[in-house]
Each structure stands twice: as structure tokens, then as C-alpha cells.
Amino acid sequence: MSGNLFLAIDLSVDERHAVSAALRDASPGPRIPGRQVTAENWHVTVRFLGEVDEVILDRLRHELDQSLAADPATVVCTGLGAFPRPSKATVVYAGISDPAGLLDYIAAECETACRHVGLDPEGRPFVPHITLSRVRPPVDVRRLIQRFGDFAVDIDVRQVDLLQTVQVPGGVRYRTVDSFPLAQTPA
């Protein structure tokens, strides 16, 4: 399949509006630096796949249909952070609070499924976040992060979506290719 693929928790329209309003209300004034990611592209990536052929993709679909045994739950979008570090940021993000560890579980299950179908291991640790901007060249955002106000927006996690990057005039959009609902665990 052409175009980069990734597994993600996609935000609903209402969640996107709520995050946008919370960011606006919590802002200390200065704009978040860099090239902004549009709200319609906000999501929580759980595993990047890249370009994957149809045979591997079919096998991955089967693995994911069998492996996501967790009750749907709510996580909270809260606070700003930066990769690789705030003093030299190339990505500014909104962090995700997940005390129950649902997203860590989902990321681990997705990683296991990817390895079972022959994809290379993920090269970096999973940090749940929503990318807000990409910054080139890197900048120091420590002060912005310190001054940013508190906010908390609930995000319902009910499924994992397989998204595809699609080039469009002026940037990219993400298209849902498939969805994998979380399976209710027996009581």
C-alpha cells in the first residue's frame, strides 16, 4: 500500500475542538513555535509502520483483530512537552496522562503484532502525545512550557485506527484505512 501507515488513537471532532479550546485558554500569550499541525490531523500515534505491502498488512490486521483485549477507557490530554528535549525542541506536543496504562498496553500489543508479521522493531520508546508543531531549526521552549497554563481534555480510547498519510495541496491529511475496536474483557 502506498503512503506511510501508522496505528493511532484518532480524536473525535468534539475532542479536537476541546483540545483546541483548552490550548487557546491555557496559552500564556506567545504562539507555539514551528509549523503547526492542523487540528484535523491530531492523533496519538501508537506505532509507525511506514510503507507496508498488502500481504504483511493483511497479516497485521489479523494479528490486531486477535490481540487488543482491553476495556475502552478515557485518557487525559494535559500539558505541553517537546522532543527531543525542551531546550532543543524539534517537536512541541500535548502530553497524555494515562494512569491506568491503557495506551502503554495498546502500544505493546501493536509492537508485538508488528514483530509477529516481520516488521522491524520500533526504534524509540513510546511516549503518548499529540504533535502540535514541528520546529526547524530547533528552539528552546522551556519557558513556554513553564508558562503554559493547566488544561485537561478527556479522550475516549475505544479503538486503534490504521491511518495512511495522503499528500494534498499544502500538506498532508490522514485517511482511516481500518479500525480495530478494543475487545471488552470478560467480567
Protein backbone atom coordinates (compact mmCIF):
# COMPACT_ATOMS: atom_id res chain seq x y z
CA MET A 1 0.00 0.00 0.00
CA SER A 2 1.49 3.35 -0.97
CA GLY A 3 1.89 6.11 1.59
CA ASN A 4 3.13 5.80 5.14
CA LEU A 5 0.91 3.87 7.52
CA PHE A 6 0.67 4.08 11.28
CA LEU A 7 -1.51 2.85 14.12
CA ALA A 8 -3.11 5.58 16.21
CA ILE A 9 -5.83 6.69 18.55
CA ASP A 10 -7.71 9.19 16.42
CA LEU A 11 -9.50 12.06 18.11
CA SER A 12 -13.18 12.76 17.51
CA VAL A 13 -14.26 16.13 16.14
CA ASP A 14 -15.52 17.10 19.61
CA GLU A 15 -12.22 16.09 21.21
CA ARG A 16 -10.28 18.14 18.63
CA HIS A 17 -12.42 21.19 19.38
CA ALA A 18 -11.99 20.68 23.13
CA VAL A 19 -8.18 20.34 22.86
CA SER A 20 -8.02 23.41 20.62
CA ALA A 21 -10.11 25.47 23.08
CA ALA A 22 -8.07 24.24 26.05
CA LEU A 23 -4.80 25.14 24.34
CA ARG A 24 -6.12 28.59 23.47
CA ASP A 25 -7.38 29.20 27.03
CA ALA A 26 -4.16 27.92 28.66
CA SER A 27 -1.81 29.86 26.39
CA PRO A 28 0.48 32.37 28.11
CA GLY A 29 0.37 34.56 25.01
CA PRO A 30 3.24 33.53 22.77
CA ARG A 31 2.32 31.27 19.92
CA ILE A 32 3.65 27.72 19.89
CA PRO A 33 6.65 27.92 17.52
CA GLY A 34 7.11 25.95 14.32
CA ARG A 35 4.91 24.57 11.59
CA GLN A 36 1.57 23.85 13.24
CA VAL A 37 -0.17 20.51 12.79
CA THR A 38 -3.79 21.18 11.88
CA ALA A 39 -6.38 20.00 14.40
CA GLU A 40 -7.94 17.59 11.89
CA ASN A 41 -4.60 15.72 11.88
CA TRP A 42 -4.32 15.39 15.68
CA HIS A 43 -4.00 11.81 16.94
CA VAL A 44 -1.93 9.71 19.34
CA THR A 45 0.46 7.52 17.34
CA VAL A 46 0.95 4.11 18.94
CA ARG A 47 3.14 2.55 16.21
CA PHE A 48 4.62 3.91 12.97
CA LEU A 49 4.65 1.33 10.18
CA GLY A 50 5.91 3.14 7.07
CA GLU A 51 5.12 1.61 3.68
CA VAL A 52 3.79 -1.93 4.07
CA ASP A 53 2.86 -4.40 1.33
CA GLU A 54 -0.66 -5.89 1.21
CA VAL A 55 0.38 -9.37 2.38
CA ILE A 56 2.05 -8.03 5.53
CA LEU A 57 -0.84 -5.62 6.07
CA ASP A 58 -3.41 -8.46 5.90
CA ARG A 59 -1.37 -10.47 8.41
CA LEU A 60 -1.12 -7.42 10.69
CA ARG A 61 -4.88 -6.88 10.50
CA HIS A 62 -5.41 -10.49 11.61
CA GLU A 63 -2.95 -10.08 14.50
CA LEU A 64 -4.60 -6.87 15.69
CA ASP A 65 -8.10 -8.37 15.45
CA GLN A 66 -6.92 -11.07 17.89
CA SER A 67 -4.81 -9.04 20.31
CA LEU A 68 -6.49 -5.86 21.57
CA ALA A 69 -8.26 -7.24 24.65
CA ALA A 70 -8.82 -4.20 26.84
CA ASP A 71 -11.83 -2.30 28.06
CA PRO A 72 -12.37 1.07 26.39
CA ALA A 73 -11.34 3.89 28.72
CA THR A 74 -10.61 7.59 28.93
CA VAL A 75 -7.16 9.22 28.99
CA VAL A 76 -6.46 12.90 29.51
CA CYS A 77 -4.67 15.35 27.22
CA THR A 78 -2.77 17.72 29.50
CA GLY A 79 0.37 19.86 29.46
CA LEU A 80 2.99 20.68 26.87
CA GLY A 81 6.25 18.88 26.19
CA ALA A 82 8.91 18.73 23.50
CA PHE A 83 11.09 16.24 21.66
CA PRO A 84 13.94 15.52 21.85
CA ARG A 85 14.05 17.88 24.83
CA PRO A 86 12.56 21.30 25.68
CA SER A 87 15.91 23.12 25.41
CA LYS A 88 16.31 21.99 21.78
CA ALA A 89 12.79 21.26 20.58
CA THR A 90 12.03 19.93 17.11
CA VAL A 91 8.51 18.83 18.10
CA VAL A 92 6.11 20.53 20.52
CA TYR A 93 3.36 18.27 21.80
CA ALA A 94 0.44 17.98 24.19
CA GLY A 95 1.09 15.17 26.63
CA ILE A 96 -1.32 12.41 27.55
CA SER A 97 -1.95 11.31 31.13
CA ASP A 98 -2.83 7.62 31.29
CA PRO A 99 -2.51 6.42 34.91
CA ALA A 100 -4.12 3.04 34.12
CA GLY A 101 -1.55 2.36 31.39
CA LEU A 102 -4.07 1.62 28.61
CA LEU A 103 -2.01 3.34 25.92
CA ASP A 104 1.17 1.57 27.03
CA TYR A 105 -0.70 -1.72 26.79
CA ILE A 106 -2.04 -0.87 23.32
CA ALA A 107 1.41 0.22 22.13
CA ALA A 108 2.97 -3.01 23.43
CA GLU A 109 0.28 -5.16 21.75
CA CYS A 110 0.74 -3.26 18.47
CA GLU A 111 4.51 -3.68 18.72
CA THR A 112 4.12 -7.42 19.31
CA ALA A 113 1.75 -7.74 16.35
CA CYS A 114 4.18 -5.83 14.12
CA ARG A 115 7.07 -8.07 15.10
CA HIS A 116 4.95 -11.21 14.51
CA VAL A 117 4.37 -10.16 10.90
CA GLY A 118 8.05 -9.38 10.32
CA LEU A 119 8.23 -5.60 10.73
CA ASP A 120 11.35 -4.16 12.31
CA PRO A 121 11.13 -3.19 16.00
CA GLU A 122 10.20 0.39 16.84
CA GLY A 123 13.39 2.35 17.34
CA ARG A 124 12.22 4.66 20.13
CA PRO A 125 10.24 4.36 23.35
CA PHE A 126 6.50 5.00 23.31
CA VAL A 127 5.51 8.40 24.71
CA PRO A 128 1.79 9.12 24.33
CA HIS A 129 1.31 12.60 22.88
CA ILE A 130 -0.42 14.74 20.27
CA THR A 131 2.03 16.54 17.99
CA LEU A 132 1.14 20.24 17.84
CA SER A 133 4.05 21.60 15.79
CA ARG A 134 7.30 20.68 14.10
CA VAL A 135 10.17 23.11 14.63
CA ARG A 136 13.13 23.67 12.27
CA PRO A 137 15.70 24.71 13.30
CA PRO A 138 15.36 23.54 16.93
CA VAL A 139 14.39 26.15 19.54
CA ASP A 140 14.34 26.41 23.32
CA VAL A 141 10.72 26.10 24.52
CA ARG A 142 11.40 25.62 28.25
CA ARG A 143 9.94 28.99 29.15
CA LEU A 144 6.84 28.45 27.03
CA ILE A 145 6.22 25.06 28.65
CA GLN A 146 6.71 26.53 32.16
CA ARG A 147 4.35 29.43 31.48
CA PHE A 148 1.65 27.42 29.75
CA GLY A 149 -1.46 27.07 31.90
CA ASP A 150 -3.05 23.86 33.08
CA PHE A 151 -5.60 22.11 30.92
CA ALA A 152 -7.24 18.72 30.83
CA VAL A 153 -9.29 17.24 27.99
CA ASP A 154 -10.73 13.74 28.13
CA ILE A 155 -10.04 11.48 25.15
CA ASP A 156 -12.03 8.28 24.79
CA VAL A 157 -9.96 5.28 23.70
CA ARG A 158 -12.30 2.78 22.09
CA GLN A 159 -10.32 1.57 19.09
CA VAL A 160 -7.00 1.70 17.29
CA ASP A 161 -7.09 3.12 13.78
CA LEU A 162 -4.81 2.27 10.89
CA LEU A 163 -4.11 5.63 9.27
CA GLN A 164 -2.45 6.43 5.95
CA THR A 165 -0.59 9.63 5.11
CA VAL A 166 -2.04 11.22 1.98
CA GLN A 167 -0.33 14.12 0.21
CA VAL A 168 -2.73 17.00 -0.52
CA PRO A 169 -2.06 20.52 -1.80
CA GLY A 170 -0.41 22.41 1.05
CA GLY A 171 0.45 19.42 3.22
CA VAL A 172 -0.82 16.03 4.32
CA ARG A 173 -4.02 14.50 5.62
CA TYR A 174 -4.54 11.19 7.34
CA ARG A 175 -7.06 8.71 5.95
CA THR A 176 -8.51 5.90 8.05
CA VAL A 177 -7.78 2.58 6.32
CA ASP A 178 -9.09 0.26 9.02
CA SER A 179 -10.17 0.24 12.68
CA PHE A 180 -9.62 -2.29 15.44
CA PRO A 181 -12.11 -1.91 18.32
CA LEU A 182 -10.90 -2.74 21.79
CA ALA A 183 -12.42 -6.04 22.85
CA GLN A 184 -14.29 -5.96 26.13
CA THR A 185 -12.54 -8.13 28.68
CA PRO A 186 -14.74 -10.73 30.40
CA ALA A 187 -16.04 -9.74 33.84
